[in-house]
């Protein structure tokens, strides 16, 4: 029998390995939980239901991936990107001659989320207020990707790029374009090339609406860009999760099967994972909200497709204000059971 010190050390080491294995995006898992943060969708300005700092949500064991929303402009004032994180921006300053926020608290939280909680932290580009329309040419798109990488990716020796998160780097980029955009495929592919050459694992994701093909993102989704996972918005549309018909072998409106076919026949990455995107509260979307208990049968249906990777929800403030929703979804996915089994093993 090992000594108390040895046993305790082994237990701590085992827990650390477990935490690393279970937290963050896992391409082999069907219970990933992706929760957007940054827009304070619930709308409270103060108090416990207002959007909290990033690390508050990272401490929640039901969350694996947090895309920070949004990078709203790539070539903004002073030739710099622009980011907006609603009330979290109150703790930021602005770089002189630009509208680019300098956010040391978020920088600290990104590193805490990654090193302490093992979360995958991404930066979502676009959102409803994004109006650039993409890029004027492929070369402009490549230059835009290089700028985004220098600003938010790993800190580069000798670089003069302004960095809102200091030495912290996000774990990848998400595309949430809500209107038509040009030359975004070369933009995404340049980011992918930079990520692949970095020697560290980074991720690319997109957030199309559920009607297929997606109007805004189709240029990238039509076999042009290799994505790791797709956060499909199954709300605000006829094809949302509210249209799922229990027990029916044919789903006429809820079109997860269509997206599964896309994953296996059109997607450049045939192992791409699909997230069931849902509103996390009744005011999180114009339509399509369903409770965790209502979503249980939808999730069970989606699990019959090998491309299913988990659930995405909009957004963190709604998920916390909607008591029981986040743990309910985690339970629907079997995530709690998975963690208990892994820990026992």
C-alpha atoms as a PDB file:
ATOM      1  CA  UNK A   1       0.000   0.000   0.000  1.00  0.00           C
ATOM      2  CA  UNK A   2       1.403   3.438  -0.959  1.00  0.00           C
ATOM      3  CA  UNK A   3       2.108   6.002   1.710  1.00  0.00           C
ATOM      4  CA  UNK A   4      -0.477   8.689   2.472  1.00  0.00           C
ATOM      5  CA  UNK A   5       1.658  11.253   0.680  1.00  0.00           C
ATOM      6  CA  UNK A   6       2.045   9.054  -2.378  1.00  0.00           C
ATOM      7  CA  UNK A   7      -1.643   8.185  -2.478  1.00  0.00           C
ATOM      8  CA  UNK A   8      -2.655  11.802  -2.061  1.00  0.00           C
ATOM      9  CA  UNK A   9      -0.262  12.912  -4.754  1.00  0.00           C
ATOM     10  CA  UNK A  10      -1.582  10.249  -7.093  1.00  0.00           C
ATOM     11  CA  UNK A  11      -5.156  11.327  -6.380  1.00  0.00           C
ATOM     12  CA  UNK A  12      -4.369  14.961  -7.141  1.00  0.00           C
ATOM     13  CA  UNK A  13      -2.557  13.955 -10.327  1.00  0.00           C
ATOM     14  CA  UNK A  14      -5.447  11.744 -11.369  1.00  0.00           C
ATOM     15  CA  UNK A  15      -7.942  14.548 -10.758  1.00  0.00           C
ATOM     16  CA  UNK A  16      -5.817  16.973 -12.761  1.00  0.00           C
ATOM     17  CA  UNK A  17      -5.687  14.561 -15.666  1.00  0.00           C
ATOM     18  CA  UNK A  18      -9.421  13.997 -15.375  1.00  0.00           C
ATOM     19  CA  UNK A  19     -10.105  17.713 -15.390  1.00  0.00           C
ATOM     20  CA  UNK A  20      -7.993  18.168 -18.498  1.00  0.00           C
ATOM     21  CA  UNK A  21      -9.695  15.260 -20.228  1.00  0.00           C
ATOM     22  CA  UNK A  22     -13.230  16.382 -19.465  1.00  0.00           C
ATOM     23  CA  UNK A  23     -13.002  20.148 -19.822  1.00  0.00           C
ATOM     24  CA  UNK A  24     -12.776  21.926 -23.147  1.00  0.00           C
ATOM     25  CA  UNK A  25     -13.964  20.836 -26.566  1.00  0.00           C
ATOM     26  CA  UNK A  26     -13.641  17.118 -27.272  1.00  0.00           C
ATOM     27  CA  UNK A  27     -14.142  15.907 -30.868  1.00  0.00           C
ATOM     28  CA  UNK A  28     -14.894  12.401 -29.587  1.00  0.00           C
ATOM     29  CA  UNK A  29     -17.628  13.528 -27.188  1.00  0.00           C
ATOM     30  CA  UNK A  30     -21.381  13.833 -27.723  1.00  0.00           C
ATOM     31  CA  UNK A  31     -21.798  15.954 -24.596  1.00  0.00           C
ATOM     32  CA  UNK A  32     -19.880  19.155 -25.366  1.00  0.00           C
ATOM     33  CA  UNK A  33     -21.612  22.263 -24.019  1.00  0.00           C
ATOM     34  CA  UNK A  34     -20.855  25.512 -25.850  1.00  0.00           C
ATOM     35  CA  UNK A  35     -22.086  28.732 -24.214  1.00  0.00           C
ATOM     36  CA  UNK A  36     -21.621  32.158 -25.775  1.00  0.00           C
ATOM     37  CA  UNK A  37     -20.511  34.979 -23.469  1.00  0.00           C
ATOM     38  CA  UNK A  38     -20.136  38.708 -23.989  1.00  0.00           C
ATOM     39  CA  UNK A  39     -23.488  40.235 -24.943  1.00  0.00           C
ATOM     40  CA  UNK A  40     -25.390  40.168 -21.634  1.00  0.00           C
ATOM     41  CA  UNK A  41     -28.489  38.948 -23.471  1.00  0.00           C
ATOM     42  CA  UNK A  42     -30.567  38.746 -20.284  1.00  0.00           C
ATOM     43  CA  UNK A  43     -30.245  42.511 -20.091  1.00  0.00           C
ATOM     44  CA  UNK A  44     -29.635  43.169 -16.399  1.00  0.00           C
ATOM     45  CA  UNK A  45     -27.239  46.038 -15.785  1.00  0.00           C
ATOM     46  CA  UNK A  46     -26.385  45.168 -12.191  1.00  0.00           C
ATOM     47  CA  UNK A  47     -26.860  42.398  -9.677  1.00  0.00           C
ATOM     48  CA  UNK A  48     -26.304  38.665  -9.753  1.00  0.00           C
ATOM     49  CA  UNK A  49     -28.234  38.191 -13.013  1.00  0.00           C
ATOM     50  CA  UNK A  50     -26.188  40.735 -14.953  1.00  0.00           C
ATOM     51  CA  UNK A  51     -23.415  39.295 -17.083  1.00  0.00           C
ATOM     52  CA  UNK A  52     -20.492  38.396 -14.817  1.00  0.00           C
ATOM     53  CA  UNK A  53     -16.787  38.295 -15.669  1.00  0.00           C
ATOM     54  CA  UNK A  54     -15.638  35.468 -17.910  1.00  0.00           C
ATOM     55  CA  UNK A  55     -13.981  33.384 -15.200  1.00  0.00           C
ATOM     56  CA  UNK A  56     -17.287  33.132 -13.312  1.00  0.00           C
ATOM     57  CA  UNK A  57     -18.725  30.991 -16.118  1.00  0.00           C
ATOM     58  CA  UNK A  58     -15.510  29.034 -16.603  1.00  0.00           C
ATOM     59  CA  UNK A  59     -15.838  27.769 -13.042  1.00  0.00           C
ATOM     60  CA  UNK A  60     -19.127  26.103 -14.024  1.00  0.00           C
ATOM     61  CA  UNK A  61     -18.444  22.411 -14.662  1.00  0.00           C
ATOM     62  CA  UNK A  62     -21.402  22.140 -17.066  1.00  0.00           C
ATOM     63  CA  UNK A  63     -19.646  24.385 -19.620  1.00  0.00           C
ATOM     64  CA  UNK A  64     -16.854  23.199 -21.935  1.00  0.00           C
ATOM     65  CA  UNK A  65     -16.452  25.897 -24.587  1.00  0.00           C
ATOM     66  CA  UNK A  66     -17.022  29.658 -24.373  1.00  0.00           C
ATOM     67  CA  UNK A  67     -17.003  31.733 -27.562  1.00  0.00           C
ATOM     68  CA  UNK A  68     -16.563  35.391 -26.596  1.00  0.00           C
ATOM     69  CA  UNK A  69     -19.010  37.549 -28.565  1.00  0.00           C
ATOM     70  CA  UNK A  70     -18.122  39.572 -30.537  1.00  0.00           C
ATOM     71  CA  UNK A  71     -15.329  40.863 -32.682  1.00  0.00           C
ATOM     72  CA  UNK A  72     -17.571  43.328 -34.530  1.00  0.00           C
ATOM     73  CA  UNK A  73     -15.113  44.833 -36.997  1.00  0.00           C
ATOM     74  CA  UNK A  74     -11.834  43.565 -38.444  1.00  0.00           C
ATOM     75  CA  UNK A  75     -10.596  46.768 -40.076  1.00  0.00           C
ATOM     76  CA  UNK A  76     -11.941  49.481 -37.816  1.00  0.00           C
ATOM     77  CA  UNK A  77     -10.750  52.890 -36.661  1.00  0.00           C
ATOM     78  CA  UNK A  78      -6.985  53.258 -36.945  1.00  0.00           C
ATOM     79  CA  UNK A  79      -6.867  50.071 -39.024  1.00  0.00           C
ATOM     80  CA  UNK A  80      -7.506  47.971 -35.937  1.00  0.00           C
ATOM     81  CA  UNK A  81     -10.168  45.391 -35.054  1.00  0.00           C
ATOM     82  CA  UNK A  82     -13.017  46.268 -32.711  1.00  0.00           C
ATOM     83  CA  UNK A  83     -14.569  44.101 -30.001  1.00  0.00           C
ATOM     84  CA  UNK A  84     -17.712  44.480 -27.921  1.00  0.00           C
ATOM     85  CA  UNK A  85     -18.484  42.565 -24.727  1.00  0.00           C
ATOM     86  CA  UNK A  86     -21.399  44.659 -23.409  1.00  0.00           C
ATOM     87  CA  UNK A  87     -21.023  45.434 -19.685  1.00  0.00           C
ATOM     88  CA  UNK A  88     -17.719  43.517 -19.494  1.00  0.00           C
ATOM     89  CA  UNK A  89     -16.265  46.331 -21.575  1.00  0.00           C
ATOM     90  CA  UNK A  90     -16.709  48.670 -18.618  1.00  0.00           C
ATOM     91  CA  UNK A  91     -13.497  47.215 -17.205  1.00  0.00           C
ATOM     92  CA  UNK A  92     -11.549  47.969 -20.392  1.00  0.00           C
ATOM     93  CA  UNK A  93      -9.834  51.049 -21.762  1.00  0.00           C
ATOM     94  CA  UNK A  94      -9.278  51.945 -25.421  1.00  0.00           C
ATOM     95  CA  UNK A  95      -6.000  51.995 -27.334  1.00  0.00           C
ATOM     96  CA  UNK A  96      -5.215  55.553 -28.466  1.00  0.00           C
ATOM     97  CA  UNK A  97      -6.326  56.403 -31.995  1.00  0.00           C
ATOM     98  CA  UNK A  98      -8.541  53.326 -32.256  1.00  0.00           C
ATOM     99  CA  UNK A  99     -11.795  51.871 -31.000  1.00  0.00           C
ATOM    100  CA  UNK A 100     -10.003  48.667 -29.921  1.00  0.00           C
ATOM    101  CA  UNK A 101     -10.569  47.813 -26.271  1.00  0.00           C
ATOM    102  CA  UNK A 102      -7.688  46.959 -23.961  1.00  0.00           C
ATOM    103  CA  UNK A 103      -9.079  44.440 -21.453  1.00  0.00           C
ATOM    104  CA  UNK A 104      -6.620  43.215 -18.788  1.00  0.00           C
ATOM    105  CA  UNK A 105      -9.378  41.610 -16.687  1.00  0.00           C
ATOM    106  CA  UNK A 106     -10.566  39.525 -19.624  1.00  0.00           C
ATOM    107  CA  UNK A 107      -6.935  38.678 -20.411  1.00  0.00           C
ATOM    108  CA  UNK A 108      -6.473  37.371 -16.878  1.00  0.00           C
ATOM    109  CA  UNK A 109      -9.726  35.431 -17.094  1.00  0.00           C
ATOM    110  CA  UNK A 110      -8.812  33.796 -20.403  1.00  0.00           C
ATOM    111  CA  UNK A 111      -5.665  32.402 -18.838  1.00  0.00           C
ATOM    112  CA  UNK A 112      -7.549  31.314 -15.718  1.00  0.00           C
ATOM    113  CA  UNK A 113     -10.204  29.608 -17.823  1.00  0.00           C
ATOM    114  CA  UNK A 114      -7.566  27.738 -19.792  1.00  0.00           C
ATOM    115  CA  UNK A 115      -5.061  26.807 -17.097  1.00  0.00           C
ATOM    116  CA  UNK A 116      -7.299  26.382 -14.046  1.00  0.00           C
ATOM    117  CA  UNK A 117     -10.526  25.124 -15.600  1.00  0.00           C
ATOM    118  CA  UNK A 118      -9.320  23.647 -18.900  1.00  0.00           C
ATOM    119  CA  UNK A 119     -11.958  25.485 -20.924  1.00  0.00           C
ATOM    120  CA  UNK A 120     -11.772  26.204 -24.641  1.00  0.00           C
ATOM    121  CA  UNK A 121     -12.038  29.975 -25.124  1.00  0.00           C
ATOM    122  CA  UNK A 122     -12.801  31.224 -28.609  1.00  0.00           C
ATOM    123  CA  UNK A 123     -13.429  34.614 -30.172  1.00  0.00           C
ATOM    124  CA  UNK A 124     -16.620  34.905 -32.224  1.00  0.00           C
ATOM    125  CA  UNK A 125     -16.413  37.177 -35.248  1.00  0.00           C
ATOM    126  CA  UNK A 126     -19.539  38.875 -36.544  1.00  0.00           C
ATOM    127  CA  UNK A 127     -22.853  39.163 -34.734  1.00  0.00           C
ATOM    128  CA  UNK A 128     -25.896  41.214 -35.660  1.00  0.00           C
ATOM    129  CA  UNK A 129     -23.991  44.512 -35.651  1.00  0.00           C
ATOM    130  CA  UNK A 130     -21.217  43.355 -38.005  1.00  0.00           C
ATOM    131  CA  UNK A 131     -21.529  45.459 -41.177  1.00  0.00           C
ATOM    132  CA  UNK A 132     -18.177  45.177 -43.013  1.00  0.00           C
ATOM    133  CA  UNK A 133     -19.546  42.624 -45.445  1.00  0.00           C
ATOM    134  CA  UNK A 134     -16.346  40.629 -45.518  1.00  0.00           C
ATOM    135  CA  UNK A 135     -13.423  41.689 -47.710  1.00  0.00           C
ATOM    136  CA  UNK A 136     -12.918  43.384 -51.076  1.00  0.00           C
ATOM    137  CA  UNK A 137     -10.504  40.704 -52.315  1.00  0.00           C
ATOM    138  CA  UNK A 138      -8.794  37.459 -51.354  1.00  0.00           C
ATOM    139  CA  UNK A 139      -5.583  39.328 -50.546  1.00  0.00           C
ATOM    140  CA  UNK A 140      -7.490  41.690 -48.246  1.00  0.00           C
ATOM    141  CA  UNK A 141      -9.012  38.651 -46.546  1.00  0.00           C
ATOM    142  CA  UNK A 142      -5.580  37.111 -45.961  1.00  0.00           C
ATOM    143  CA  UNK A 143      -4.312  40.419 -44.557  1.00  0.00           C
ATOM    144  CA  UNK A 144      -7.359  40.555 -42.279  1.00  0.00           C
ATOM    145  CA  UNK A 145      -6.663  37.053 -40.982  1.00  0.00           C
ATOM    146  CA  UNK A 146      -3.030  37.953 -40.304  1.00  0.00           C
ATOM    147  CA  UNK A 147      -4.184  41.003 -38.335  1.00  0.00           C
ATOM    148  CA  UNK A 148      -6.703  38.996 -36.290  1.00  0.00           C
ATOM    149  CA  UNK A 149      -4.083  36.334 -35.569  1.00  0.00           C
ATOM    150  CA  UNK A 150      -1.474  38.897 -34.471  1.00  0.00           C
ATOM    151  CA  UNK A 151      -4.054  40.649 -32.275  1.00  0.00           C
ATOM    152  CA  UNK A 152      -5.772  37.684 -30.613  1.00  0.00           C
ATOM    153  CA  UNK A 153      -3.631  34.606 -31.322  1.00  0.00           C
ATOM    154  CA  UNK A 154      -0.310  33.695 -29.671  1.00  0.00           C
ATOM    155  CA  UNK A 155       1.885  36.689 -28.932  1.00  0.00           C
ATOM    156  CA  UNK A 156       4.538  36.941 -31.636  1.00  0.00           C
ATOM    157  CA  UNK A 157       8.092  37.941 -30.837  1.00  0.00           C
ATOM    158  CA  UNK A 158       8.903  41.374 -32.208  1.00  0.00           C
ATOM    159  CA  UNK A 159       5.308  42.097 -33.218  1.00  0.00           C
ATOM    160  CA  UNK A 160       3.986  45.633 -32.768  1.00  0.00           C
ATOM    161  CA  UNK A 161       0.351  44.496 -32.894  1.00  0.00           C
ATOM    162  CA  UNK A 162      -2.008  45.961 -30.313  1.00  0.00           C
ATOM    163  CA  UNK A 163      -3.245  43.149 -28.063  1.00  0.00           C
ATOM    164  CA  UNK A 164      -6.475  43.581 -26.061  1.00  0.00           C
ATOM    165  CA  UNK A 165      -5.708  40.435 -24.054  1.00  0.00           C
ATOM    166  CA  UNK A 166      -1.980  40.990 -23.574  1.00  0.00           C
ATOM    167  CA  UNK A 167      -0.033  37.726 -23.615  1.00  0.00           C
ATOM    168  CA  UNK A 168      -3.223  35.643 -23.461  1.00  0.00           C
ATOM    169  CA  UNK A 169      -4.360  33.888 -26.631  1.00  0.00           C
ATOM    170  CA  UNK A 170      -7.776  32.561 -27.528  1.00  0.00           C
ATOM    171  CA  UNK A 171      -8.098  28.893 -28.519  1.00  0.00           C
ATOM    172  CA  UNK A 172      -9.658  29.581 -31.890  1.00  0.00           C
ATOM    173  CA  UNK A 173     -12.238  31.557 -33.820  1.00  0.00           C
ATOM    174  CA  UNK A 174     -15.950  31.260 -34.451  1.00  0.00           C
ATOM    175  CA  UNK A 175     -17.807  32.875 -37.373  1.00  0.00           C
ATOM    176  CA  UNK A 176     -21.290  34.232 -36.708  1.00  0.00           C
ATOM    177  CA  UNK A 177     -22.077  36.203 -39.830  1.00  0.00           C
ATOM    178  CA  UNK A 178     -25.751  37.174 -39.970  1.00  0.00           C
ATOM    179  CA  UNK A 179     -25.742  38.763 -43.445  1.00  0.00           C
ATOM    180  CA  UNK A 180     -24.035  38.219 -46.779  1.00  0.00           C
ATOM    181  CA  UNK A 181     -20.226  38.451 -46.731  1.00  0.00           C
ATOM    182  CA  UNK A 182     -17.527  38.312 -49.404  1.00  0.00           C
ATOM    183  CA  UNK A 183     -14.162  36.531 -49.496  1.00  0.00           C
ATOM    184  CA  UNK A 184     -14.554  34.963 -46.074  1.00  0.00           C
ATOM    185  CA  UNK A 185     -13.312  31.542 -47.232  1.00  0.00           C
ATOM    186  CA  UNK A 186      -9.740  32.806 -47.835  1.00  0.00           C
ATOM    187  CA  UNK A 187      -9.974  34.641 -44.507  1.00  0.00           C
ATOM    188  CA  UNK A 188     -10.920  31.438 -42.672  1.00  0.00           C
ATOM    189  CA  UNK A 189      -8.359  29.343 -44.541  1.00  0.00           C
ATOM    190  CA  UNK A 190      -5.562  31.735 -43.682  1.00  0.00           C
ATOM    191  CA  UNK A 191      -6.532  31.535 -40.018  1.00  0.00           C
ATOM    192  CA  UNK A 192      -6.549  27.734 -40.320  1.00  0.00           C
ATOM    193  CA  UNK A 193      -3.065  27.781 -41.894  1.00  0.00           C
ATOM    194  CA  UNK A 194      -1.715  30.001 -39.127  1.00  0.00           C
ATOM    195  CA  UNK A 195      -3.271  27.775 -36.476  1.00  0.00           C
ATOM    196  CA  UNK A 196      -1.897  24.604 -38.036  1.00  0.00           C
ATOM    197  CA  UNK A 197       1.605  26.084 -38.184  1.00  0.00           C
ATOM    198  CA  UNK A 198       1.552  27.227 -34.541  1.00  0.00           C
ATOM    199  CA  UNK A 199       2.307  23.870 -32.942  1.00  0.00           C
ATOM    200  CA  UNK A 200      -0.670  24.242 -30.611  1.00  0.00           C
ATOM    201  CA  UNK A 201      -4.235  23.000 -31.011  1.00  0.00           C
ATOM    202  CA  UNK A 202      -6.680  25.657 -32.176  1.00  0.00           C
ATOM    203  CA  UNK A 203     -10.274  25.368 -33.364  1.00  0.00           C
ATOM    204  CA  UNK A 204     -12.487  26.867 -36.056  1.00  0.00           C
ATOM    205  CA  UNK A 205     -16.265  26.919 -35.756  1.00  0.00           C
ATOM    206  CA  UNK A 206     -19.202  28.651 -37.414  1.00  0.00           C
ATOM    207  CA  UNK A 207     -22.736  29.472 -36.299  1.00  0.00           C
ATOM    208  CA  UNK A 208     -25.106  29.142 -39.265  1.00  0.00           C
ATOM    209  CA  UNK A 209     -28.862  29.367 -38.969  1.00  0.00           C
ATOM    210  CA  UNK A 210     -30.672  26.068 -39.447  1.00  0.00           C
ATOM    211  CA  UNK A 211     -32.123  26.568 -42.965  1.00  0.00           C
ATOM    212  CA  UNK A 212     -29.747  24.764 -45.323  1.00  0.00           C
ATOM    213  CA  UNK A 213     -27.728  26.049 -47.040  1.00  0.00           C
ATOM    214  CA  UNK A 214     -26.979  28.969 -44.757  1.00  0.00           C
ATOM    215  CA  UNK A 215     -27.039  32.249 -46.677  1.00  0.00           C
ATOM    216  CA  UNK A 216     -24.275  34.019 -44.780  1.00  0.00           C
ATOM    217  CA  UNK A 217     -21.793  31.198 -44.190  1.00  0.00           C
ATOM    218  CA  UNK A 218     -22.298  28.958 -47.225  1.00  0.00           C
ATOM    219  CA  UNK A 219     -19.144  30.161 -48.983  1.00  0.00           C
ATOM    220  CA  UNK A 220     -17.128  28.632 -46.133  1.00  0.00           C
ATOM    221  CA  UNK A 221     -19.412  25.674 -45.469  1.00  0.00           C
ATOM    222  CA  UNK A 222     -19.572  24.509 -49.087  1.00  0.00           C
ATOM    223  CA  UNK A 223     -16.480  22.340 -48.745  1.00  0.00           C
ATOM    224  CA  UNK A 224     -14.053  25.275 -48.743  1.00  0.00           C
ATOM    225  CA  UNK A 225     -12.953  25.463 -45.092  1.00  0.00           C
ATOM    226  CA  UNK A 226     -12.101  22.778 -42.542  1.00  0.00           C
ATOM    227  CA  UNK A 227     -14.191  23.368 -39.418  1.00  0.00           C
ATOM    228  CA  UNK A 228     -13.894  21.481 -36.142  1.00  0.00           C
ATOM    229  CA  UNK A 229     -17.491  22.047 -35.065  1.00  0.00           C
ATOM    230  CA  UNK A 230     -20.590  23.932 -36.163  1.00  0.00           C
ATOM    231  CA  UNK A 231     -22.920  25.757 -33.758  1.00  0.00           C
ATOM    232  CA  UNK A 232     -26.180  25.499 -35.697  1.00  0.00           C
ATOM    233  CA  UNK A 233     -28.862  27.961 -34.568  1.00  0.00           C
ATOM    234  CA  UNK A 234     -31.937  25.742 -34.299  1.00  0.00           C
ATOM    235  CA  UNK A 235     -34.177  28.676 -33.352  1.00  0.00           C
ATOM    236  CA  UNK A 236     -35.775  31.752 -34.917  1.00  0.00           C
ATOM    237  CA  UNK A 237     -36.698  29.550 -37.883  1.00  0.00           C
ATOM    238  CA  UNK A 238     -39.194  26.898 -38.985  1.00  0.00           C
ATOM    239  CA  UNK A 239     -36.435  24.257 -38.790  1.00  0.00           C
ATOM    240  CA  UNK A 240     -35.764  24.864 -35.087  1.00  0.00           C
ATOM    241  CA  UNK A 241     -35.898  22.291 -32.316  1.00  0.00           C
ATOM    242  CA  UNK A 242     -39.487  23.309 -31.545  1.00  0.00           C
ATOM    243  CA  UNK A 243     -40.452  21.606 -34.838  1.00  0.00           C
ATOM    244  CA  UNK A 244     -39.185  18.202 -33.749  1.00  0.00           C
ATOM    245  CA  UNK A 245     -41.976  15.607 -33.916  1.00  0.00           C
ATOM    246  CA  UNK A 246     -41.510  12.931 -31.216  1.00  0.00           C
ATOM    247  CA  UNK A 247     -41.542   9.375 -32.494  1.00  0.00           C
ATOM    248  CA  UNK A 248     -41.646  10.313 -36.154  1.00  0.00           C
ATOM    249  CA  UNK A 249     -39.146   8.601 -38.438  1.00  0.00           C
ATOM    250  CA  UNK A 250     -39.391  11.550 -40.823  1.00  0.00           C
ATOM    251  CA  UNK A 251     -38.758  15.081 -39.601  1.00  0.00           C
ATOM    252  CA  UNK A 252     -40.277  17.425 -42.162  1.00  0.00           C
ATOM    253  CA  UNK A 253     -39.070  20.688 -40.616  1.00  0.00           C
ATOM    254  CA  UNK A 254     -36.475  19.996 -37.916  1.00  0.00           C
ATOM    255  CA  UNK A 255     -33.512  19.380 -40.201  1.00  0.00           C
ATOM    256  CA  UNK A 256     -30.668  17.965 -38.119  1.00  0.00           C
ATOM    257  CA  UNK A 257     -30.559  15.069 -40.598  1.00  0.00           C
ATOM    258  CA  UNK A 258     -29.871  17.542 -43.404  1.00  0.00           C
ATOM    259  CA  UNK A 259     -26.925  18.989 -41.528  1.00  0.00           C
ATOM    260  CA  UNK A 260     -25.690  15.471 -40.714  1.00  0.00           C
ATOM    261  CA  UNK A 261     -25.681  14.760 -44.439  1.00  0.00           C
ATOM    262  CA  UNK A 262     -23.754  18.014 -44.990  1.00  0.00           C
ATOM    263  CA  UNK A 263     -21.162  16.903 -42.424  1.00  0.00           C
ATOM    264  CA  UNK A 264     -20.603  13.568 -44.138  1.00  0.00           C
ATOM    265  CA  UNK A 265     -20.781  14.567 -47.799  1.00  0.00           C
ATOM    266  CA  UNK A 266     -20.044  18.293 -48.218  1.00  0.00           C
ATOM    267  CA  UNK A 267     -17.931  19.430 -45.263  1.00  0.00           C
ATOM    268  CA  UNK A 268     -14.194  19.579 -45.953  1.00  0.00           C
ATOM    269  CA  UNK A 269     -13.678  17.940 -42.553  1.00  0.00           C
ATOM    270  CA  UNK A 270     -15.821  14.796 -42.657  1.00  0.00           C
ATOM    271  CA  UNK A 271     -15.343  14.407 -38.885  1.00  0.00           C
ATOM    272  CA  UNK A 272     -16.818  17.814 -38.088  1.00  0.00           C
ATOM    273  CA  UNK A 273     -19.114  17.874 -35.040  1.00  0.00           C
ATOM    274  CA  UNK A 274     -22.565  19.473 -35.039  1.00  0.00           C
ATOM    275  CA  UNK A 275     -23.928  21.340 -32.031  1.00  0.00           C
ATOM    276  CA  UNK A 276     -27.656  21.637 -31.408  1.00  0.00           C
ATOM    277  CA  UNK A 277     -27.980  25.403 -30.898  1.00  0.00           C
ATOM    278  CA  UNK A 278     -30.746  26.480 -28.513  1.00  0.00           C
ATOM    279  CA  UNK A 279     -31.841  29.647 -26.691  1.00  0.00           C
ATOM    280  CA  UNK A 280     -30.890  29.421 -23.020  1.00  0.00           C
ATOM    281  CA  UNK A 281     -33.901  31.460 -21.881  1.00  0.00           C
ATOM    282  CA  UNK A 282     -37.297  32.634 -23.026  1.00  0.00           C
ATOM    283  CA  UNK A 283     -35.976  36.058 -24.059  1.00  0.00           C
ATOM    284  CA  UNK A 284     -32.758  34.768 -25.636  1.00  0.00           C
ATOM    285  CA  UNK A 285     -34.299  34.474 -29.114  1.00  0.00           C
ATOM    286  CA  UNK A 286     -37.337  35.634 -31.042  1.00  0.00           C
ATOM    287  CA  UNK A 287     -38.726  32.103 -31.127  1.00  0.00           C
ATOM    288  CA  UNK A 288     -37.757  28.509 -30.519  1.00  0.00           C
ATOM    289  CA  UNK A 289     -37.141  28.366 -26.779  1.00  0.00           C
ATOM    290  CA  UNK A 290     -37.783  25.003 -25.130  1.00  0.00           C
ATOM    291  CA  UNK A 291     -37.083  23.875 -21.582  1.00  0.00           C
ATOM    292  CA  UNK A 292     -34.382  21.342 -20.752  1.00  0.00           C
ATOM    293  CA  UNK A 293     -37.034  18.677 -20.216  1.00  0.00           C
ATOM    294  CA  UNK A 294     -38.609  19.444 -23.604  1.00  0.00           C
ATOM    295  CA  UNK A 295     -35.204  19.258 -25.262  1.00  0.00           C
ATOM    296  CA  UNK A 296     -34.428  15.847 -23.788  1.00  0.00           C
ATOM    297  CA  UNK A 297     -36.184  13.964 -26.590  1.00  0.00           C
ATOM    298  CA  UNK A 298     -34.662  16.252 -29.237  1.00  0.00           C
ATOM    299  CA  UNK A 299     -31.183  15.549 -27.877  1.00  0.00           C
ATOM    300  CA  UNK A 300     -31.882  11.816 -27.805  1.00  0.00           C
ATOM    301  CA  UNK A 301     -32.878  11.989 -31.482  1.00  0.00           C
ATOM    302  CA  UNK A 302     -29.769  13.996 -32.410  1.00  0.00           C
ATOM    303  CA  UNK A 303     -27.575  11.454 -30.653  1.00  0.00           C
ATOM    304  CA  UNK A 304     -28.588   8.882 -33.286  1.00  0.00           C
ATOM    305  CA  UNK A 305     -26.395  10.811 -35.757  1.00  0.00           C
ATOM    306  CA  UNK A 306     -22.652  10.214 -35.556  1.00  0.00           C
ATOM    307  CA  UNK A 307     -21.951  13.890 -36.289  1.00  0.00           C
ATOM    308  CA  UNK A 308     -23.694  15.067 -33.109  1.00  0.00           C
ATOM    309  CA  UNK A 309     -21.280  16.717 -30.713  1.00  0.00           C
ATOM    310  CA  UNK A 310     -23.390  18.374 -28.030  1.00  0.00           C
ATOM    311  CA  UNK A 311     -25.391  21.533 -27.381  1.00  0.00           C
ATOM    312  CA  UNK A 312     -24.690  25.205 -28.003  1.00  0.00           C
ATOM    313  CA  UNK A 313     -26.647  27.847 -26.143  1.00  0.00           C
ATOM    314  CA  UNK A 314     -27.137  31.593 -26.371  1.00  0.00           C
ATOM    315  CA  UNK A 315     -26.060  32.940 -24.001  1.00  0.00           C
ATOM    316  CA  UNK A 316     -24.321  32.705 -20.594  1.00  0.00           C
ATOM    317  CA  UNK A 317     -26.397  35.402 -18.875  1.00  0.00           C
ATOM    318  CA  UNK A 318     -29.633  33.716 -19.985  1.00  0.00           C
ATOM    319  CA  UNK A 319     -28.393  30.258 -18.948  1.00  0.00           C
ATOM    320  CA  UNK A 320     -27.646  31.376 -15.389  1.00  0.00           C
ATOM    321  CA  UNK A 321     -30.846  33.425 -15.021  1.00  0.00           C
ATOM    322  CA  UNK A 322     -32.902  30.445 -16.229  1.00  0.00           C
ATOM    323  CA  UNK A 323     -32.524  28.318 -13.102  1.00  0.00           C
ATOM    324  CA  UNK A 324     -31.979  24.632 -13.808  1.00  0.00           C
ATOM    325  CA  UNK A 325     -31.582  24.992 -17.583  1.00  0.00           C
ATOM    326  CA  UNK A 326     -27.817  24.507 -17.852  1.00  0.00           C
ATOM    327  CA  UNK A 327     -27.579  21.514 -15.484  1.00  0.00           C
ATOM    328  CA  UNK A 328     -30.709  20.127 -17.118  1.00  0.00           C
ATOM    329  CA  UNK A 329     -29.069  20.179 -20.548  1.00  0.00           C
ATOM    330  CA  UNK A 330     -25.922  18.644 -19.079  1.00  0.00           C
ATOM    331  CA  UNK A 331     -28.060  15.867 -17.629  1.00  0.00           C
ATOM    332  CA  UNK A 332     -29.859  15.385 -20.964  1.00  0.00           C
ATOM    333  CA  UNK A 333     -26.473  14.928 -22.602  1.00  0.00           C
ATOM    334  CA  UNK A 334     -25.328  12.437 -19.991  1.00  0.00           C
ATOM    335  CA  UNK A 335     -22.356  14.656 -19.154  1.00  0.00           C
ATOM    336  CA  UNK A 336     -22.680  14.225 -15.374  1.00  0.00           C
ATOM    337  CA  UNK A 337     -22.810  10.471 -15.724  1.00  0.00           C
ATOM    338  CA  UNK A 338     -19.764  10.555 -17.990  1.00  0.00           C
ATOM    339  CA  UNK A 339     -17.759  12.549 -15.444  1.00  0.00           C
ATOM    340  CA  UNK A 340     -18.734  10.245 -12.586  1.00  0.00           C
ATOM    341  CA  UNK A 341     -17.755   7.135 -14.545  1.00  0.00           C
ATOM    342  CA  UNK A 342     -14.431   8.646 -15.596  1.00  0.00           C
ATOM    343  CA  UNK A 343     -13.617   9.713 -12.046  1.00  0.00           C
ATOM    344  CA  UNK A 344     -14.470   6.285 -10.675  1.00  0.00           C
ATOM    345  CA  UNK A 345     -12.234   4.676 -13.254  1.00  0.00           C
END
